[in-house]
Amino acid sequence: MSDDAAVARPATAPAPASPGPGPTMAGLLAARAGDDRPGLAVGDHRWSWDEVIRAAAARAALFEDRRLPGPPHVAVLLDNVPEHALWLTACALAGAVVVGANPTHRGEDLARDLRHTRCQLLVTDARYLPLVEGRSLGEALGTVTADSGRVLVLDAADYDADVAAFEGAPVPDPDDVAEADLGQLIFTSGTSGAPKACRCTQGRLARISVIVAEMFGLGAEDVCYVAMPLFHSNALMAGWGPAVAAGATVALPAAGRFSASGFLPDVRRHGVSYFNYVGKPLSYVLATEEGPDDADNSLRLVFGNEGAEADVARFGTRFGCTVIDSYGSTEGGATVSRTPDTPPGALGRAPEGTMVVDPDTGAECPPARFDVHGRLLNAEEATGELVSTTGAAGFEGYWDNDEAETARRRNGWYWTGDLAYRDEAGFFYFAGRSGDWLRVDGENFATAPLARLLERHPAVRLAAVYAVPDPVVGDQVMAALELHDGARFDPDEFAAFLARQEDLGTKQAPRFVRVCDRLPATATAKVLTRVLRDEGWSCADPVWWTPEGPAGGRYRRLDAQDRAQLESALQ
């Protein structure tokens, strides 16, 4: 879905309060000073909110001491460790901007992210320092070495001393920070192209945080488990921010990052009542060995984006909680929310002004029509780009990327970059990214519905569908499958499974099937389809194919001679 799904307000939620002078993250955090209730928990360690704010004030003073002229941008390249939460807090209090550095962006790509956002300070640790050490990050940051003064390395000998020098620093005055002040630069995931740095002001994050906290009734007695990466919008807008607004405890994973096997132990250790997710974490937790007492836990509510429909239901049943899955984006321009009457496969309903339009003409696409088997009959005319006619006002833009910003705000509308279709009852269905069209034998269709179909197979945990070139014209269909632990790919059984799917279109069966131990993914488990597409059938994983085409029926292993013939046919 839209580059980084963040948070969307379910259709049943109460409307936000009337407009007026709004909160800032600096104000929400400063209000926690003097609060002796638990604020941060990791493993066996606990900090009160007052201790969190005092520690953050020291780090804010450290930043001010090393601040240079120019944008006050601080890159944080860390897992979900306590220092990450402290620097989020420190920068918000100081009116500085946190640049969420993504450790899955490596080498020059990561350096490009930091140069592009003009970072003047980098907070990292020995684990991630080699990703950028010695690379040029621009004049402001200078050469990245542990002794440059522009880089703070948590496990370096002088870090604790650097922070201790500012111990006791006063909490910055939140009145010095305005709603419109930039607070975060959040990189989109780059699943379909180069990542973009999305602007998020202090006011926007604070407003979302307050709404989510009120929407779910979060209070000081709640424990919010923030296992999604803190450089990601979902963690900020659906996890950390709402916990701050509610005065709830922020619990971070003991491993510093999401762990399926560590999920339930962490929930029980901290008494977690609320968990946010994006992507496929529900799938991975459900793949762990089931216990008879899994529902014996404190978890009350789970909220996120992009959970598989079957997983949403199974997770709630297995762990005795309510799971609410919605559609949203980092940019904040469009939302779609599930309702109790949402049909299988649909995202849900959307606010007035949300449409599916032809990106070339701007005309609204006709409603989707289905046959008795649920097969989409008019995919080409019904599928278009998901657009909000009112969402452009909520989009705060990209950092120094006018071209991408203009593409999002065409004609005063917000264009999500996601394909969708809508049925006659007004339910929206996700159809993939705007580049995820396939044209097979003159027939156009989107990839996401086919991926959902393949995930019905009992051995398949995750599926991705993408185009590979046809030697004559158009595309051929390739699928990459990640199987459940212990499962194996049976080509004949897979072909039989496809034959049983009455809603599988005549052109949609994959000609090529790649079987992966793990699909390439972002840090939030979003599949990197562009990587799969670039590799095609020339990959280290086993690939099965039907030489005569899917209509021929049987799959066999692709060998070196097959690859050579395929490559030759494309020349």
Protein backbone atom coordinates (compact mmCIF):
# COMPACT_ATOMS: atom_id res chain seq x y z
CA MET A 1 0.00 0.00 0.00
CA SER A 2 1.05 3.59 -0.05
CA ASP A 3 4.79 3.62 0.51
CA ASP A 4 4.59 3.44 4.25
CA ALA A 5 1.27 2.67 5.82
CA ALA A 6 0.95 4.68 9.01
CA VAL A 7 -2.31 5.19 10.86
CA ALA A 8 -5.88 5.61 9.74
CA ARG A 9 -8.91 6.47 11.86
CA PRO A 10 -11.49 3.66 11.76
CA ALA A 11 -14.85 4.71 10.42
CA THR A 12 -16.47 3.99 13.80
CA ALA A 13 -14.11 6.29 15.70
CA PRO A 14 -15.32 9.57 17.21
CA ALA A 15 -14.51 12.69 15.25
CA PRO A 16 -11.56 14.74 16.48
CA ALA A 17 -12.18 17.83 18.56
CA SER A 18 -13.01 21.16 16.95
CA PRO A 19 -10.11 23.02 15.37
CA GLY A 20 -8.25 25.48 17.52
CA PRO A 21 -4.81 26.00 19.01
CA GLY A 22 -3.45 22.49 18.86
CA PRO A 23 -0.88 20.47 20.75
CA THR A 24 2.77 19.95 19.93
CA MET A 25 4.90 16.95 20.74
CA ALA A 26 7.08 19.28 22.84
CA GLY A 27 4.03 20.22 24.90
CA LEU A 28 2.78 16.65 25.29
CA LEU A 29 6.21 15.52 26.46
CA ALA A 30 6.88 18.47 28.76
CA ALA A 31 3.60 17.64 30.50
CA ARG A 32 5.14 14.31 31.54
CA ALA A 33 7.83 16.07 33.64
CA GLY A 34 7.25 15.25 37.31
CA ASP A 35 5.18 12.19 36.41
CA ASP A 36 6.48 9.28 38.49
CA ARG A 37 4.38 6.66 36.70
CA PRO A 38 6.18 4.23 34.36
CA GLY A 39 7.20 5.83 31.07
CA LEU A 40 9.63 3.43 29.43
CA ALA A 41 10.22 -0.30 29.87
CA VAL A 42 12.76 -2.56 28.15
CA GLY A 43 13.52 -6.04 29.43
CA ASP A 44 13.90 -5.75 33.21
CA HIS A 45 14.61 -2.01 33.13
CA ARG A 46 12.04 0.69 33.97
CA TRP A 47 12.12 4.47 33.80
CA SER A 48 9.44 6.80 35.13
CA TRP A 49 8.16 9.48 32.77
CA ASP A 50 9.98 12.07 34.85
CA GLU A 51 13.24 10.15 34.46
CA VAL A 52 12.66 9.93 30.69
CA ILE A 53 12.07 13.68 30.41
CA ARG A 54 15.12 14.56 32.55
CA ALA A 55 17.36 12.25 30.55
CA ALA A 56 15.99 13.71 27.31
CA ALA A 57 16.62 17.25 28.56
CA ALA A 58 20.32 16.39 28.95
CA ARG A 59 20.43 15.11 25.38
CA ALA A 60 18.60 18.19 24.13
CA ALA A 61 21.25 20.35 25.79
CA LEU A 62 23.99 18.21 24.21
CA PHE A 63 22.45 18.82 20.79
CA GLU A 64 22.24 22.57 21.42
CA ASP A 65 25.90 22.58 22.40
CA ARG A 66 26.90 21.00 19.08
CA ARG A 67 24.33 22.68 16.91
CA LEU A 68 25.54 24.28 13.69
CA PRO A 69 23.91 26.91 11.49
CA GLY A 70 21.30 25.47 9.17
CA PRO A 71 18.45 23.00 9.61
CA PRO A 72 18.55 21.37 13.08
CA HIS A 73 18.41 17.83 11.72
CA VAL A 74 19.51 14.87 13.83
CA ALA A 75 19.78 11.45 12.22
CA VAL A 76 19.04 8.53 14.54
CA LEU A 77 20.38 5.22 13.25
CA LEU A 78 19.40 2.77 15.97
CA ASP A 79 17.17 -0.19 16.72
CA ASN A 80 14.30 0.25 19.21
CA VAL A 81 16.65 0.71 22.15
CA PRO A 82 16.06 3.11 25.06
CA GLU A 83 18.38 5.75 23.57
CA HIS A 84 16.23 5.89 20.45
CA ALA A 85 13.20 6.83 22.55
CA LEU A 86 15.27 9.33 24.54
CA TRP A 87 16.52 11.07 21.40
CA LEU A 88 13.01 11.23 19.94
CA THR A 89 12.00 12.94 23.16
CA ALA A 90 15.06 15.20 23.28
CA CYS A 91 14.64 16.46 19.72
CA ALA A 92 10.93 17.12 20.20
CA LEU A 93 11.65 19.15 23.35
CA ALA A 94 14.48 21.06 21.66
CA GLY A 95 12.52 21.79 18.49
CA ALA A 96 15.02 19.74 16.50
CA VAL A 97 14.09 17.43 13.62
CA VAL A 98 14.60 13.68 13.87
CA VAL A 99 15.63 12.09 10.58
CA GLY A 100 14.63 8.45 10.76
CA ALA A 101 17.68 6.67 9.38
CA ASN A 102 16.76 3.24 8.03
CA PRO A 103 19.48 0.61 8.63
CA THR A 104 18.12 -1.50 5.76
CA HIS A 105 19.31 1.27 3.42
CA ARG A 106 22.97 0.40 3.06
CA GLY A 107 26.18 2.02 1.88
CA GLU A 108 25.82 4.95 -0.47
CA ASP A 109 22.01 4.74 -0.35
CA LEU A 110 22.04 5.43 3.37
CA ALA A 111 24.64 8.17 2.97
CA ARG A 112 22.42 9.72 0.29
CA ASP A 113 19.50 9.78 2.73
CA LEU A 114 21.56 11.67 5.32
CA ARG A 115 23.12 14.07 2.81
CA HIS A 116 19.76 14.79 1.24
CA THR A 117 18.23 15.72 4.59
CA ARG A 118 21.27 17.86 5.59
CA CYS A 119 21.87 16.11 8.90
CA GLN A 120 24.32 17.81 11.21
CA LEU A 121 24.41 15.15 13.91
CA LEU A 122 24.21 11.36 13.78
CA VAL A 123 23.32 9.18 16.76
CA THR A 124 24.20 5.53 16.22
CA ASP A 125 26.01 2.59 17.78
CA ALA A 126 28.93 0.32 16.98
CA ARG A 127 26.62 -2.08 15.17
CA TYR A 128 25.52 0.45 12.57
CA LEU A 129 28.51 2.81 12.43
CA PRO A 130 30.22 0.71 9.70
CA LEU A 131 27.23 1.36 7.42
CA VAL A 132 28.27 4.99 7.07
CA GLU A 133 31.82 5.21 8.38
CA GLY A 134 34.13 6.93 5.96
CA ARG A 135 31.36 7.96 3.58
CA SER A 136 30.78 11.59 2.64
CA LEU A 137 27.65 12.92 4.32
CA GLY A 138 28.06 16.52 3.20
CA GLU A 139 29.67 19.60 4.63
CA ALA A 140 27.45 19.81 7.69
CA LEU A 141 28.11 16.33 9.04
CA GLY A 142 31.61 15.97 7.67
CA THR A 143 33.57 12.74 7.70
CA VAL A 144 31.87 10.08 9.77
CA THR A 145 34.24 8.86 12.41
CA ALA A 146 33.64 8.27 16.07
CA ASP A 147 35.80 11.27 17.01
CA SER A 148 34.38 13.81 14.54
CA GLY A 149 32.06 15.43 17.08
CA ARG A 150 29.24 15.10 14.56
CA VAL A 151 28.68 11.45 15.45
CA LEU A 152 27.54 10.14 18.80
CA VAL A 153 28.19 6.41 19.21
CA LEU A 154 26.29 4.91 22.13
CA ASP A 155 28.87 2.30 22.98
CA ALA A 156 31.89 4.54 22.49
CA ALA A 157 33.92 5.34 25.58
CA ASP A 158 33.02 9.03 25.63
CA TYR A 159 29.25 8.87 25.01
CA ASP A 160 28.17 8.58 28.63
CA ALA A 161 30.55 11.38 29.58
CA ASP A 162 29.21 13.59 26.79
CA VAL A 163 25.66 13.14 28.09
CA ALA A 164 26.64 13.39 31.77
CA ALA A 165 28.15 16.83 31.12
CA PHE A 166 24.59 18.13 30.63
CA GLU A 167 22.89 16.21 33.41
CA GLY A 168 20.43 18.44 35.24
CA ALA A 169 19.78 20.65 32.22
CA PRO A 170 16.36 22.30 32.42
CA VAL A 171 13.50 20.94 30.35
CA PRO A 172 13.17 23.25 27.33
CA ASP A 173 10.14 25.54 27.30
CA PRO A 174 7.51 23.91 25.09
CA ASP A 175 6.14 27.36 24.23
CA ASP A 176 9.27 27.89 22.14
CA VAL A 177 8.01 25.21 19.74
CA ALA A 178 5.15 25.86 17.32
CA GLU A 179 2.67 23.47 15.71
CA ALA A 180 4.08 24.25 12.27
CA ASP A 181 7.67 23.49 13.26
CA LEU A 182 9.07 20.46 11.48
CA GLY A 183 9.49 17.54 13.87
CA GLN A 184 10.23 14.46 11.78
CA LEU A 185 11.58 13.53 8.39
CA ILE A 186 10.29 10.02 7.76
CA PHE A 187 11.57 8.09 4.78
CA THR A 188 9.06 6.17 2.74
CA SER A 189 9.91 2.51 2.38
CA GLY A 190 11.16 2.59 -1.20
CA THR A 191 9.36 -0.63 -2.09
CA SER A 192 8.67 0.73 -5.57
CA GLY A 193 11.26 3.50 -6.02
CA ALA A 194 13.77 5.76 -4.29
CA PRO A 195 12.72 6.61 -0.71
CA LYS A 196 11.35 10.12 -0.12
CA ALA A 197 11.67 12.10 3.12
CA CYS A 198 8.14 12.91 4.25
CA ARG A 199 7.70 16.03 6.37
CA CYS A 200 5.82 15.69 9.65
CA THR A 201 5.35 18.74 11.85
CA GLN A 202 5.18 18.82 15.62
CA GLY A 203 1.49 19.66 15.37
CA ARG A 204 0.58 16.85 12.98
CA LEU A 205 2.23 14.11 15.04
CA ALA A 206 0.73 15.52 18.23
CA ARG A 207 -2.79 15.73 16.78
CA ILE A 208 -2.62 12.15 15.46
CA SER A 209 -1.25 10.96 18.80
CA VAL A 210 -4.07 12.56 20.76
CA ILE A 211 -6.73 11.23 18.37
CA VAL A 212 -5.40 7.66 18.50
CA ALA A 213 -5.09 7.74 22.30
CA GLU A 214 -8.66 9.01 22.66
CA MET A 215 -10.00 6.69 19.96
CA PHE A 216 -8.76 3.59 21.78
CA GLY A 217 -9.23 4.83 25.32
CA LEU A 218 -5.53 4.70 26.17
CA GLY A 219 -4.58 5.94 29.62
CA ALA A 220 -1.74 5.96 32.11
CA GLU A 221 -2.50 2.37 33.12
CA ASP A 222 -1.89 1.09 29.58
CA VAL A 223 1.35 -0.38 28.27
CA CYS A 224 1.98 0.24 24.56
CA TYR A 225 4.32 -2.26 22.91
CA VAL A 226 6.32 -0.41 20.23
CA ALA A 227 8.12 -3.13 18.27
CA MET A 228 7.86 -1.57 14.81
CA PRO A 229 11.00 0.41 13.90
CA LEU A 230 10.99 3.85 15.49
CA PHE A 231 12.21 5.42 12.25
CA HIS A 232 8.88 4.39 10.70
CA SER A 233 5.66 6.39 10.71
CA ASN A 234 3.57 3.55 12.11
CA ALA A 235 5.69 3.33 15.25
CA LEU A 236 5.54 7.09 15.76
CA MET A 237 1.88 7.72 14.90
CA ALA A 238 0.28 4.53 16.20
CA GLY A 239 2.67 3.61 19.01
CA TRP A 240 5.07 6.06 20.62
CA GLY A 241 3.06 9.24 20.06
CA PRO A 242 -0.26 7.91 21.43
CA ALA A 243 1.56 6.51 24.48
CA VAL A 244 3.04 9.97 25.13
CA ALA A 245 -0.36 11.61 24.71
CA ALA A 246 -1.98 9.15 27.12
CA GLY A 247 0.84 9.05 29.66
CA ALA A 248 1.00 5.31 29.03
CA THR A 249 4.14 3.19 29.31
CA VAL A 250 6.21 2.68 26.16
CA ALA A 251 7.49 -0.91 26.14
CA LEU A 252 10.26 -1.71 23.65
CA PRO A 253 11.17 -5.24 22.53
CA ALA A 254 13.87 -6.92 24.56
CA ALA A 255 15.70 -7.78 21.34
CA GLY A 256 15.64 -4.14 20.16
CA ARG A 257 13.48 -5.09 17.18
CA PHE A 258 10.38 -7.09 16.46
CA SER A 259 10.73 -10.79 17.22
CA ALA A 260 7.90 -13.22 16.60
CA SER A 261 9.19 -15.63 19.27
CA GLY A 262 9.75 -12.78 21.71
CA PHE A 263 6.33 -11.19 21.22
CA LEU A 264 4.25 -13.10 23.77
CA PRO A 265 7.01 -13.19 26.44
CA ASP A 266 7.33 -9.40 26.14
CA VAL A 267 3.55 -8.95 26.34
CA ARG A 268 3.46 -10.97 29.55
CA ARG A 269 6.62 -9.42 31.03
CA HIS A 270 5.33 -5.86 30.69
CA GLY A 271 1.58 -6.39 30.92
CA VAL A 272 1.15 -5.00 27.40
CA SER A 273 -2.41 -3.90 26.62
CA TYR A 274 -1.89 -2.28 23.18
CA PHE A 275 0.27 -3.22 20.20
CA ASN A 276 0.67 -1.48 16.84
CA TYR A 277 1.94 -3.09 13.64
CA VAL A 278 2.47 -2.56 9.94
CA GLY A 279 3.06 -5.19 7.30
CA LYS A 280 3.27 -8.87 8.22
CA PRO A 281 4.09 -9.16 11.95
CA LEU A 282 0.76 -10.84 12.64
CA SER A 283 1.68 -13.55 10.12
CA TYR A 284 5.04 -14.17 11.78
CA VAL A 285 3.60 -14.34 15.30
CA LEU A 286 0.90 -16.74 14.13
CA ALA A 287 3.61 -18.95 12.62
CA THR A 288 5.09 -19.59 16.08
CA GLU A 289 4.11 -22.74 17.92
CA GLU A 290 0.65 -22.39 19.40
CA GLY A 291 0.20 -22.91 23.12
CA PRO A 292 -3.00 -23.78 25.01
CA ASP A 293 -2.71 -20.61 27.11
CA ASP A 294 -1.87 -18.06 24.38
CA ALA A 295 -5.02 -16.07 25.20
CA ASP A 296 -3.92 -15.81 28.83
CA ASN A 297 -2.30 -12.41 28.49
CA SER A 298 -2.98 -8.71 29.08
CA LEU A 299 -3.32 -7.72 25.41
CA ARG A 300 -6.53 -5.78 24.79
CA LEU A 301 -6.17 -4.08 21.43
CA VAL A 302 -4.02 -4.41 18.31
CA PHE A 303 -4.04 -1.68 15.66
CA GLY A 304 -2.24 -1.53 12.35
CA ASN A 305 -2.10 -1.67 8.60
CA GLU A 306 -1.74 -4.32 5.92
CA GLY A 307 -2.50 -7.38 7.99
CA ALA A 308 -3.75 -10.30 5.91
CA GLU A 309 -7.49 -10.69 6.40
CA ALA A 310 -7.29 -14.25 7.69
CA ASP A 311 -4.46 -13.30 10.05
CA VAL A 312 -6.46 -10.45 11.58
CA ALA A 313 -9.22 -12.87 12.59
CA ARG A 314 -6.87 -15.67 13.71
CA PHE A 315 -4.71 -13.32 15.78
CA GLY A 316 -7.68 -11.93 17.69
CA THR A 317 -8.99 -15.40 18.45
CA ARG A 318 -5.65 -16.92 19.44
CA PHE A 319 -4.50 -14.09 21.71
CA GLY A 320 -7.90 -12.99 23.04
CA CYS A 321 -7.77 -9.42 21.78
CA THR A 322 -9.42 -7.09 19.27
CA VAL A 323 -7.48 -6.41 16.05
CA ILE A 324 -8.31 -3.33 13.98
CA ASP A 325 -6.66 -3.15 10.57
CA SER A 326 -6.85 -0.01 8.42
CA TYR A 327 -5.27 1.62 5.39
CA GLY A 328 -3.22 4.78 5.74
CA SER A 329 -0.03 6.41 4.56
CA THR A 330 2.94 8.26 5.97
CA GLU A 331 1.87 11.30 3.98
CA GLY A 332 -1.53 11.27 5.65
CA GLY A 333 -3.61 12.05 2.57
CA ALA A 334 -6.05 9.14 2.45
CA THR A 335 -7.58 6.59 4.80
CA VAL A 336 -9.74 3.51 4.38
CA SER A 337 -11.12 1.62 7.37
CA ARG A 338 -12.65 -1.80 7.87
CA THR A 339 -16.24 -1.93 9.09
CA PRO A 340 -18.10 -4.97 10.44
CA ASP A 341 -19.79 -5.52 7.07
CA THR A 342 -16.59 -5.30 5.00
CA PRO A 343 -16.61 -8.20 2.50
CA PRO A 344 -13.68 -10.63 2.22
CA GLY A 345 -10.68 -9.15 0.43
CA ALA A 346 -11.80 -5.53 0.80
CA LEU A 347 -10.00 -2.75 2.68
CA GLY A 348 -13.24 -1.20 3.89
CA ARG A 349 -14.96 2.14 3.43
CA ALA A 350 -13.43 5.59 3.08
CA PRO A 351 -14.47 9.16 3.92
CA GLU A 352 -16.40 11.27 1.44
CA GLY A 353 -14.16 12.49 -1.35
CA THR A 354 -12.17 9.27 -1.70
CA MET A 355 -12.33 7.89 -5.23
CA VAL A 356 -10.71 5.52 -7.70
CA VAL A 357 -9.77 7.48 -10.80
CA ASP A 358 -8.09 6.97 -14.14
CA PRO A 359 -4.66 8.61 -13.62
CA ASP A 360 -4.51 9.70 -17.27
CA THR A 361 -7.93 11.33 -17.55
CA GLY A 362 -8.83 12.09 -13.92
CA ALA A 363 -12.23 10.51 -14.48
CA GLU A 364 -13.70 8.29 -11.78
CA CYS A 365 -13.50 4.60 -12.66
CA PRO A 366 -16.75 2.61 -12.88
CA PRO A 367 -17.60 0.21 -10.03
CA ALA A 368 -16.05 -3.23 -10.02
CA ARG A 369 -18.21 -6.12 -11.21
CA PHE A 370 -17.73 -9.73 -10.09
CA ASP A 371 -18.99 -13.04 -11.37
CA VAL A 372 -20.56 -15.72 -9.18
CA HIS A 373 -17.09 -17.01 -8.26
CA GLY A 374 -15.86 -13.58 -7.13
CA ARG A 375 -13.69 -13.06 -10.23
CA LEU A 376 -13.29 -9.39 -11.15
CA LEU A 377 -14.88 -9.01 -14.58
CA ASN A 378 -13.88 -5.45 -15.50
CA ALA A 379 -10.40 -5.11 -13.96
CA GLU A 380 -9.03 -2.83 -16.64
CA GLU A 381 -11.78 -0.21 -16.45
CA ALA A 382 -12.48 -0.50 -12.69
CA THR A 383 -8.88 -0.33 -11.46
CA GLY A 384 -7.33 3.09 -11.05
CA GLU A 385 -5.41 5.20 -8.55
CA LEU A 386 -6.81 5.77 -5.08
CA VAL A 387 -7.32 9.51 -4.70
CA SER A 388 -8.64 11.82 -2.00
CA THR A 389 -10.15 15.10 -3.16
CA THR A 390 -9.71 16.52 0.35
CA GLY A 391 -6.45 14.89 1.48
CA ALA A 392 -3.97 17.29 -0.14
CA ALA A 393 -4.41 19.73 2.73
CA GLY A 394 -3.21 17.12 5.23
CA PHE A 395 -0.10 16.26 3.25
CA GLU A 396 2.83 18.31 4.54
CA GLY A 397 5.13 17.57 1.62
CA TYR A 398 8.54 16.01 1.05
CA TRP A 399 11.88 17.44 2.00
CA ASP A 400 13.53 19.06 -1.02
CA ASN A 401 11.65 16.98 -3.60
CA ASP A 402 9.30 19.24 -5.54
CA GLU A 403 8.76 16.71 -8.32
CA ALA A 404 7.49 13.99 -6.00
CA GLU A 405 5.44 16.49 -4.02
CA THR A 406 3.74 17.78 -7.17
CA ALA A 407 2.92 14.22 -8.23
CA ARG A 408 1.13 13.70 -4.90
CA ARG A 409 -0.82 16.98 -5.10
CA ARG A 410 -2.06 17.10 -8.67
CA ASN A 411 -5.16 19.23 -9.32
CA GLY A 412 -5.55 19.92 -5.62
CA TRP A 413 -6.14 16.22 -4.90
CA TYR A 414 -4.00 13.77 -2.99
CA TRP A 415 -2.82 10.89 -5.21
CA THR A 416 -1.79 7.88 -3.14
CA GLY A 417 0.23 6.05 -5.80
CA ASP A 418 -1.81 2.93 -4.96
CA LEU A 419 -4.07 1.02 -7.30
CA ALA A 420 -7.55 0.16 -6.11
CA TYR A 421 -11.06 -0.63 -7.25
CA ARG A 422 -14.40 -0.03 -5.57
CA ASP A 423 -17.53 -2.15 -5.67
CA GLU A 424 -21.08 -0.88 -6.06
CA ALA A 425 -21.59 -0.88 -2.29
CA GLY A 426 -18.67 1.52 -1.83
CA PHE A 427 -16.06 -0.92 -0.46
CA PHE A 428 -12.49 -0.35 -1.64
CA TYR A 429 -10.06 -3.11 -2.64
CA PHE A 430 -6.28 -2.73 -2.77
CA ALA A 431 -4.80 -3.68 -6.15
CA GLY A 432 -1.10 -2.87 -5.73
CA ARG A 433 1.26 0.02 -6.30
CA SER A 434 0.77 2.23 -9.34
CA GLY A 435 3.53 0.33 -11.16
CA ASP A 436 2.08 -3.09 -10.34
CA TRP A 437 0.13 -3.61 -13.54
CA LEU A 438 0.65 -6.69 -15.67
CA ARG A 439 -0.37 -6.98 -19.30
CA VAL A 440 -0.66 -10.60 -20.38
CA ASP A 441 -1.89 -11.45 -23.89
CA GLY A 442 -3.50 -8.03 -24.14
CA GLU A 443 -5.29 -8.27 -20.77
CA ASN A 444 -4.41 -5.87 -17.94
CA PHE A 445 -4.69 -6.80 -14.27
CA ALA A 446 -3.17 -5.75 -10.95
CA THR A 447 -0.96 -7.89 -8.76
CA ALA A 448 -2.36 -7.58 -5.24
CA PRO A 449 -5.56 -9.63 -5.76
CA LEU A 450 -3.51 -12.47 -7.24
CA ALA A 451 -1.07 -12.37 -4.31
CA ARG A 452 -4.02 -12.62 -1.91
CA LEU A 453 -5.29 -15.64 -3.83
CA LEU A 454 -1.92 -17.42 -3.63
CA GLU A 455 -1.79 -16.82 0.13
CA ARG A 456 -4.85 -19.09 0.47
CA HIS A 457 -2.55 -22.04 -0.15
CA PRO A 458 -1.98 -23.71 3.23
CA ALA A 459 1.79 -23.91 2.72
CA VAL A 460 2.20 -20.23 1.75
CA ARG A 461 2.96 -17.64 4.40
CA LEU A 462 3.54 -14.71 2.04
CA ALA A 463 3.24 -14.20 -1.71
CA ALA A 464 4.40 -11.49 -4.09
CA VAL A 465 3.37 -11.19 -7.74
CA TYR A 466 5.22 -9.19 -10.37
CA ALA A 467 5.87 -8.93 -14.07
CA VAL A 468 8.76 -10.46 -16.00
CA PRO A 469 9.16 -9.72 -19.71
CA ASP A 470 7.44 -11.75 -22.37
CA PRO A 471 9.77 -12.40 -25.35
CA VAL A 472 6.99 -11.43 -27.76
CA VAL A 473 5.09 -8.58 -26.16
CA GLY A 474 3.85 -7.54 -22.72
CA ASP A 475 4.44 -9.44 -19.50
CA GLN A 476 4.49 -12.90 -18.04
CA VAL A 477 3.40 -13.55 -14.45
CA MET A 478 5.96 -14.48 -11.82
CA ALA A 479 5.23 -15.21 -8.17
CA ALA A 480 7.58 -15.45 -5.22
CA LEU A 481 6.41 -17.55 -2.30
CA GLU A 482 7.60 -17.68 1.28
CA LEU A 483 6.45 -20.94 2.81
CA HIS A 484 5.56 -21.75 6.40
CA ASP A 485 8.33 -23.35 8.41
CA GLY A 486 8.56 -27.03 7.58
CA ALA A 487 6.45 -26.74 4.41
CA ARG A 488 7.76 -27.75 0.98
CA PHE A 489 6.72 -26.76 -2.52
CA ASP A 490 4.94 -29.54 -4.41
CA PRO A 491 4.64 -28.43 -8.05
CA ASP A 492 1.83 -30.82 -8.97
CA GLU A 493 -0.18 -30.00 -5.87
CA PHE A 494 0.34 -26.27 -6.53
CA ALA A 495 -0.97 -26.62 -10.08
CA ALA A 496 -3.99 -28.51 -8.72
CA PHE A 497 -4.56 -25.75 -6.15
CA LEU A 498 -4.60 -23.14 -8.91
CA ALA A 499 -7.08 -25.20 -10.92
CA ARG A 500 -9.46 -25.19 -7.94
CA GLN A 501 -9.51 -21.40 -7.57
CA GLU A 502 -12.67 -20.37 -9.36
CA ASP A 503 -11.81 -16.66 -9.13
CA LEU A 504 -8.42 -17.09 -10.82
CA GLY A 505 -8.48 -15.32 -14.17
CA THR A 506 -7.53 -17.23 -17.31
CA LYS A 507 -4.39 -15.09 -17.79
CA GLN A 508 -3.37 -14.86 -14.14
CA ALA A 509 -1.76 -18.19 -13.22
CA PRO A 510 1.98 -17.66 -12.63
CA ARG A 511 4.26 -19.03 -15.32
CA PHE A 512 7.23 -18.75 -12.94
CA VAL A 513 7.23 -19.54 -9.21
CA ARG A 514 10.19 -18.62 -7.01
CA VAL A 515 10.36 -20.31 -3.60
CA CYS A 516 12.21 -18.26 -0.97
CA ASP A 517 13.28 -18.91 2.59
CA ARG A 518 12.41 -15.25 3.21
CA LEU A 519 11.07 -12.69 0.76
CA PRO A 520 13.25 -9.56 0.54
CA ALA A 521 11.56 -7.01 2.75
CA THR A 522 11.84 -3.66 4.44
CA ALA A 523 12.38 -3.37 8.17
CA THR A 524 8.59 -3.45 8.57
CA ALA A 525 8.22 -6.68 6.58
CA LYS A 526 6.90 -4.98 3.44
CA VAL A 527 7.97 -7.05 0.45
CA LEU A 528 10.51 -5.35 -1.83
CA THR A 529 8.83 -6.28 -5.08
CA ARG A 530 11.25 -4.13 -7.08
CA VAL A 531 14.11 -6.38 -5.95
CA LEU A 532 12.22 -9.49 -7.02
CA ARG A 533 11.30 -7.89 -10.34
CA ASP A 534 14.90 -6.87 -11.03
CA GLU A 535 16.18 -10.40 -10.33
CA GLY A 536 13.43 -12.16 -12.27
CA TRP A 537 14.26 -15.82 -12.78
CA SER A 538 18.03 -15.15 -12.47
CA CYS A 539 18.23 -15.69 -8.74
CA ALA A 540 19.78 -18.09 -6.25
CA ASP A 541 16.39 -19.42 -5.08
CA PRO A 542 14.78 -22.41 -6.82
CA VAL A 543 12.39 -21.38 -9.58
CA TRP A 544 9.67 -23.56 -11.05
CA TRP A 545 8.01 -22.86 -14.38
CA THR A 546 5.61 -24.11 -17.01
CA PRO A 547 7.50 -24.10 -20.34
CA GLU A 548 4.23 -24.34 -22.29
CA GLY A 549 2.62 -21.61 -20.22
CA PRO A 550 0.25 -21.96 -17.25
CA ALA A 551 -2.42 -23.51 -19.47
CA GLY A 552 0.01 -26.39 -20.02
CA GLY A 553 -0.49 -27.40 -16.42
CA ARG A 554 2.73 -28.86 -14.98
CA TYR A 555 5.56 -27.01 -13.25
CA ARG A 556 9.16 -28.19 -13.39
CA ARG A 557 12.46 -26.82 -12.06
CA LEU A 558 14.05 -24.08 -14.14
CA ASP A 559 17.64 -25.06 -14.98
CA ALA A 560 20.66 -23.27 -16.46
CA GLN A 561 19.74 -24.27 -20.00
CA ASP A 562 16.21 -22.90 -19.52
CA ARG A 563 17.62 -19.61 -18.25
CA ALA A 564 19.96 -19.32 -21.21
CA GLN A 565 17.11 -19.92 -23.64
CA LEU A 566 14.89 -17.37 -21.90
CA GLU A 567 17.63 -14.75 -21.95
CA SER A 568 18.35 -15.46 -25.61
CA ALA A 569 14.67 -15.05 -26.53
CA LEU A 570 14.66 -11.59 -24.96
CA GLN A 571 17.66 -10.30 -26.90
